[in-house]
């Protein structure tokens, strides 16, 4: 038999299938990286929020600040100084 060089001709359906799977792979790769970035940002945001909450709890629940909150005179003095 005579070889017509069919090895150089590409099957159009095979090319479409390869292209389809390549597109699926690329989208999966992109969205998995995007999802990973979102999770990282969310994790960092939550850690920052926890640190701020802990800081607020430690600072504003400390006895001197609570004493200022109980005494109206010290609140007005503190507001002049810029504490509240």
N, C-alpha and C. Protein backbone atom coordinates (compact mmCIF):
# COMPACT_ATOMS: atom_id res chain seq x y z
N UNK A 1 0.82 -1.19 0.00
CA UNK A 1 0.00 0.00 0.00
C UNK A 1 0.86 1.25 0.00
N UNK A 2 0.30 2.22 -0.59
CA UNK A 2 1.02 3.48 -0.73
C UNK A 2 0.67 4.38 0.46
N UNK A 3 1.65 4.96 1.15
CA UNK A 3 1.42 5.86 2.28
C UNK A 3 1.13 7.26 1.74
N UNK A 4 -0.04 7.76 2.04
CA UNK A 4 -0.44 9.08 1.53
C UNK A 4 0.01 10.20 2.45
N UNK A 5 0.73 9.87 3.49
CA UNK A 5 1.15 10.93 4.42
C UNK A 5 0.05 11.32 5.37
N UNK A 6 -0.82 10.38 5.63
CA UNK A 6 -1.94 10.67 6.54
C UNK A 6 -1.49 11.02 7.94
N UNK A 7 -0.27 10.68 8.28
CA UNK A 7 0.21 11.00 9.62
C UNK A 7 0.37 12.52 9.78
N UNK A 8 0.51 13.23 8.65
CA UNK A 8 0.65 14.67 8.73
C UNK A 8 -0.70 15.39 8.73
N UNK A 9 -1.72 14.68 8.32
CA UNK A 9 -3.06 15.29 8.33
C UNK A 9 -3.68 15.05 9.70
N UNK A 10 -4.31 16.06 10.21
CA UNK A 10 -4.90 15.95 11.53
C UNK A 10 -6.40 15.76 11.42
N UNK A 11 -6.89 14.93 12.30
CA UNK A 11 -8.33 14.69 12.34
C UNK A 11 -9.00 15.90 12.98
N UNK A 12 -9.96 16.55 12.30
CA UNK A 12 -10.58 17.74 12.87
C UNK A 12 -11.31 17.46 14.18
N UNK A 13 -11.95 16.32 14.29
CA UNK A 13 -12.67 16.00 15.53
C UNK A 13 -11.68 15.80 16.67
N UNK A 14 -10.56 15.16 16.38
CA UNK A 14 -9.53 14.98 17.40
C UNK A 14 -8.99 16.32 17.87
N UNK A 15 -8.81 17.25 16.96
CA UNK A 15 -8.33 18.59 17.32
C UNK A 15 -9.35 19.33 18.18
N UNK A 16 -10.63 19.17 17.84
CA UNK A 16 -11.68 19.83 18.63
C UNK A 16 -11.70 19.26 20.04
N UNK A 17 -11.59 17.95 20.17
CA UNK A 17 -11.59 17.32 21.49
C UNK A 17 -10.37 17.77 22.29
N UNK A 18 -9.20 17.80 21.65
CA UNK A 18 -7.99 18.27 22.35
C UNK A 18 -8.15 19.72 22.79
N UNK A 19 -8.68 20.54 21.92
CA UNK A 19 -8.89 21.95 22.26
C UNK A 19 -9.88 22.09 23.41
N UNK A 20 -10.94 21.31 23.37
CA UNK A 20 -11.94 21.35 24.43
C UNK A 20 -11.31 21.00 25.77
N UNK A 21 -10.54 19.92 25.83
CA UNK A 21 -9.92 19.52 27.10
C UNK A 21 -8.86 20.51 27.54
N UNK A 22 -8.17 21.12 26.60
CA UNK A 22 -7.18 22.13 26.95
C UNK A 22 -7.86 23.35 27.58
N UNK A 23 -8.98 23.76 27.00
CA UNK A 23 -9.74 24.89 27.56
C UNK A 23 -10.25 24.55 28.95
N UNK A 24 -10.77 23.36 29.14
CA UNK A 24 -11.25 22.93 30.46
C UNK A 24 -10.10 22.95 31.46
N UNK A 25 -8.95 22.44 31.05
CA UNK A 25 -7.79 22.42 31.93
C UNK A 25 -7.37 23.84 32.32
N UNK A 26 -7.32 24.74 31.34
CA UNK A 26 -6.89 26.11 31.62
C UNK A 26 -7.88 26.81 32.55
N UNK A 27 -9.18 26.66 32.30
CA UNK A 27 -10.16 27.28 33.18
C UNK A 27 -10.09 26.70 34.59
N UNK A 28 -9.92 25.39 34.68
CA UNK A 28 -9.80 24.76 36.00
C UNK A 28 -8.58 25.30 36.74
N UNK A 29 -7.46 25.41 36.02
CA UNK A 29 -6.24 25.92 36.62
C UNK A 29 -6.43 27.37 37.09
N UNK A 30 -7.03 28.20 36.23
CA UNK A 30 -7.25 29.60 36.58
C UNK A 30 -8.16 29.72 37.80
N UNK A 31 -9.30 29.03 37.78
CA UNK A 31 -10.25 29.18 38.88
C UNK A 31 -9.76 28.55 40.17
N UNK A 32 -8.94 27.51 40.08
CA UNK A 32 -8.39 26.95 41.31
C UNK A 32 -7.40 27.94 41.94
N UNK A 33 -6.59 28.61 41.11
CA UNK A 33 -5.67 29.62 41.64
C UNK A 33 -6.45 30.83 42.17
N UNK A 34 -7.50 31.21 41.46
CA UNK A 34 -8.33 32.33 41.91
C UNK A 34 -8.98 32.00 43.24
N UNK A 35 -9.50 30.79 43.37
CA UNK A 35 -10.14 30.36 44.61
C UNK A 35 -9.11 30.33 45.75
N UNK A 36 -7.91 29.87 45.45
CA UNK A 36 -6.85 29.84 46.46
C UNK A 36 -6.52 31.26 46.92
N UNK A 37 -6.47 32.20 46.00
CA UNK A 37 -6.19 33.59 46.36
C UNK A 37 -7.31 34.16 47.22
N UNK A 38 -8.54 33.85 46.87
CA UNK A 38 -9.67 34.34 47.68
C UNK A 38 -9.63 33.76 49.09
N UNK A 39 -9.32 32.49 49.20
CA UNK A 39 -9.24 31.87 50.53
C UNK A 39 -8.11 32.48 51.35
N UNK A 40 -7.00 32.78 50.70
CA UNK A 40 -5.87 33.40 51.41
C UNK A 40 -6.27 34.78 51.91
N UNK A 41 -6.92 35.56 51.06
CA UNK A 41 -7.36 36.91 51.47
C UNK A 41 -8.38 36.81 52.60
N UNK A 42 -9.30 35.89 52.49
CA UNK A 42 -10.31 35.71 53.53
C UNK A 42 -9.66 35.31 54.86
N UNK A 43 -8.69 34.40 54.80
CA UNK A 43 -7.99 33.96 56.01
C UNK A 43 -7.25 35.13 56.64
N UNK A 44 -6.55 35.92 55.82
CA UNK A 44 -5.82 37.07 56.35
C UNK A 44 -6.76 38.11 56.93
N UNK A 45 -7.89 38.34 56.27
CA UNK A 45 -8.88 39.29 56.78
C UNK A 45 -9.43 38.83 58.13
N UNK A 46 -9.74 37.55 58.23
CA UNK A 46 -10.27 37.03 59.50
C UNK A 46 -9.24 37.12 60.62
N UNK A 47 -7.97 36.83 60.30
CA UNK A 47 -6.92 36.95 61.33
C UNK A 47 -6.76 38.39 61.76
N UNK A 48 -6.79 39.33 60.81
CA UNK A 48 -6.68 40.74 61.16
C UNK A 48 -7.86 41.18 62.01
N UNK A 49 -9.05 40.72 61.65
CA UNK A 49 -10.24 41.07 62.43
C UNK A 49 -10.15 40.52 63.85
N UNK A 50 -9.63 39.30 64.00
CA UNK A 50 -9.45 38.73 65.33
C UNK A 50 -8.44 39.52 66.15
N UNK A 51 -7.33 39.93 65.51
CA UNK A 51 -6.32 40.72 66.22
C UNK A 51 -6.89 42.07 66.66
N UNK A 52 -7.66 42.72 65.80
CA UNK A 52 -8.27 44.01 66.16
C UNK A 52 -9.26 43.81 67.29
N UNK A 53 -10.04 42.75 67.21
CA UNK A 53 -11.01 42.48 68.28
C UNK A 53 -10.31 42.22 69.61
N UNK A 54 -9.24 41.45 69.58
CA UNK A 54 -8.47 41.18 70.79
C UNK A 54 -7.86 42.46 71.33
N UNK A 55 -7.31 43.28 70.43
CA UNK A 55 -6.73 44.55 70.85
C UNK A 55 -7.78 45.44 71.51
N UNK A 56 -8.94 45.56 70.87
CA UNK A 56 -10.02 46.37 71.44
C UNK A 56 -10.46 45.84 72.79
N UNK A 57 -10.53 44.54 72.91
CA UNK A 57 -10.94 43.93 74.17
C UNK A 57 -9.91 44.20 75.26
N UNK A 58 -8.62 44.11 74.92
CA UNK A 58 -7.58 44.32 75.91
C UNK A 58 -7.47 45.79 76.30
N UNK A 59 -7.62 46.69 75.35
CA UNK A 59 -7.44 48.11 75.64
C UNK A 59 -8.67 48.71 76.29
N UNK A 60 -9.82 48.48 75.70
CA UNK A 60 -11.01 49.17 76.17
C UNK A 60 -11.71 48.47 77.32
N UNK A 61 -11.26 47.27 77.67
CA UNK A 61 -11.80 46.59 78.84
C UNK A 61 -10.84 46.64 80.02
N UNK A 62 -9.74 47.36 79.85
CA UNK A 62 -8.78 47.47 80.94
C UNK A 62 -9.35 48.35 82.05
N UNK A 63 -8.93 48.17 83.29
CA UNK A 63 -9.50 48.92 84.42
C UNK A 63 -9.45 50.44 84.30
N UNK A 64 -8.36 51.08 83.80
CA UNK A 64 -8.40 52.54 83.71
C UNK A 64 -9.48 53.05 82.75
N UNK A 65 -9.66 52.36 81.64
CA UNK A 65 -10.68 52.79 80.68
C UNK A 65 -12.07 52.55 81.27
N UNK A 66 -12.26 51.42 81.95
CA UNK A 66 -13.55 51.15 82.58
C UNK A 66 -13.84 52.18 83.66
N UNK A 67 -12.82 52.61 84.40
CA UNK A 67 -13.02 53.64 85.42
C UNK A 67 -13.43 54.95 84.76
N UNK A 68 -12.85 55.27 83.62
CA UNK A 68 -13.25 56.47 82.90
C UNK A 68 -14.71 56.37 82.45
N UNK A 69 -15.10 55.19 82.06
CA UNK A 69 -16.46 55.02 81.58
C UNK A 69 -17.48 55.15 82.71
N UNK A 70 -17.09 54.85 83.94
CA UNK A 70 -18.02 54.92 85.07
C UNK A 70 -18.19 56.34 85.59
N UNK A 71 -17.21 57.19 85.40
CA UNK A 71 -17.23 58.52 86.00
C UNK A 71 -17.46 59.58 84.91
N UNK A 72 -18.59 60.28 84.94
CA UNK A 72 -18.89 61.28 83.91
C UNK A 72 -17.86 62.41 83.84
N UNK A 73 -17.32 62.80 85.00
CA UNK A 73 -16.33 63.88 85.00
C UNK A 73 -15.06 63.45 84.27
N UNK A 74 -14.63 62.24 84.55
CA UNK A 74 -13.42 61.78 83.88
C UNK A 74 -13.65 61.56 82.39
N UNK A 75 -14.90 61.28 82.00
CA UNK A 75 -15.20 61.14 80.57
C UNK A 75 -15.02 62.49 79.87
N UNK A 76 -15.51 63.57 80.50
CA UNK A 76 -15.35 64.87 79.86
C UNK A 76 -13.88 65.28 79.83
N UNK A 77 -13.11 64.94 80.89
CA UNK A 77 -11.68 65.24 80.88
C UNK A 77 -10.97 64.40 79.82
N UNK A 78 -11.37 63.15 79.73
CA UNK A 78 -10.74 62.27 78.75
C UNK A 78 -11.05 62.73 77.33
N UNK A 79 -12.24 63.24 77.12
CA UNK A 79 -12.59 63.69 75.77
C UNK A 79 -11.78 64.94 75.40
N UNK A 80 -11.44 65.75 76.38
CA UNK A 80 -10.59 66.91 76.09
C UNK A 80 -9.18 66.48 75.71
N UNK A 81 -8.71 65.43 76.37
CA UNK A 81 -7.36 64.95 76.09
C UNK A 81 -7.33 64.16 74.79
N UNK A 82 -8.45 63.57 74.43
CA UNK A 82 -8.53 62.80 73.19
C UNK A 82 -8.51 61.31 73.40
N UNK A 83 -8.84 60.85 74.60
CA UNK A 83 -8.84 59.41 74.86
C UNK A 83 -10.09 58.76 74.29
N UNK A 84 -11.21 59.43 74.38
CA UNK A 84 -12.45 58.80 73.91
C UNK A 84 -12.82 59.30 72.54
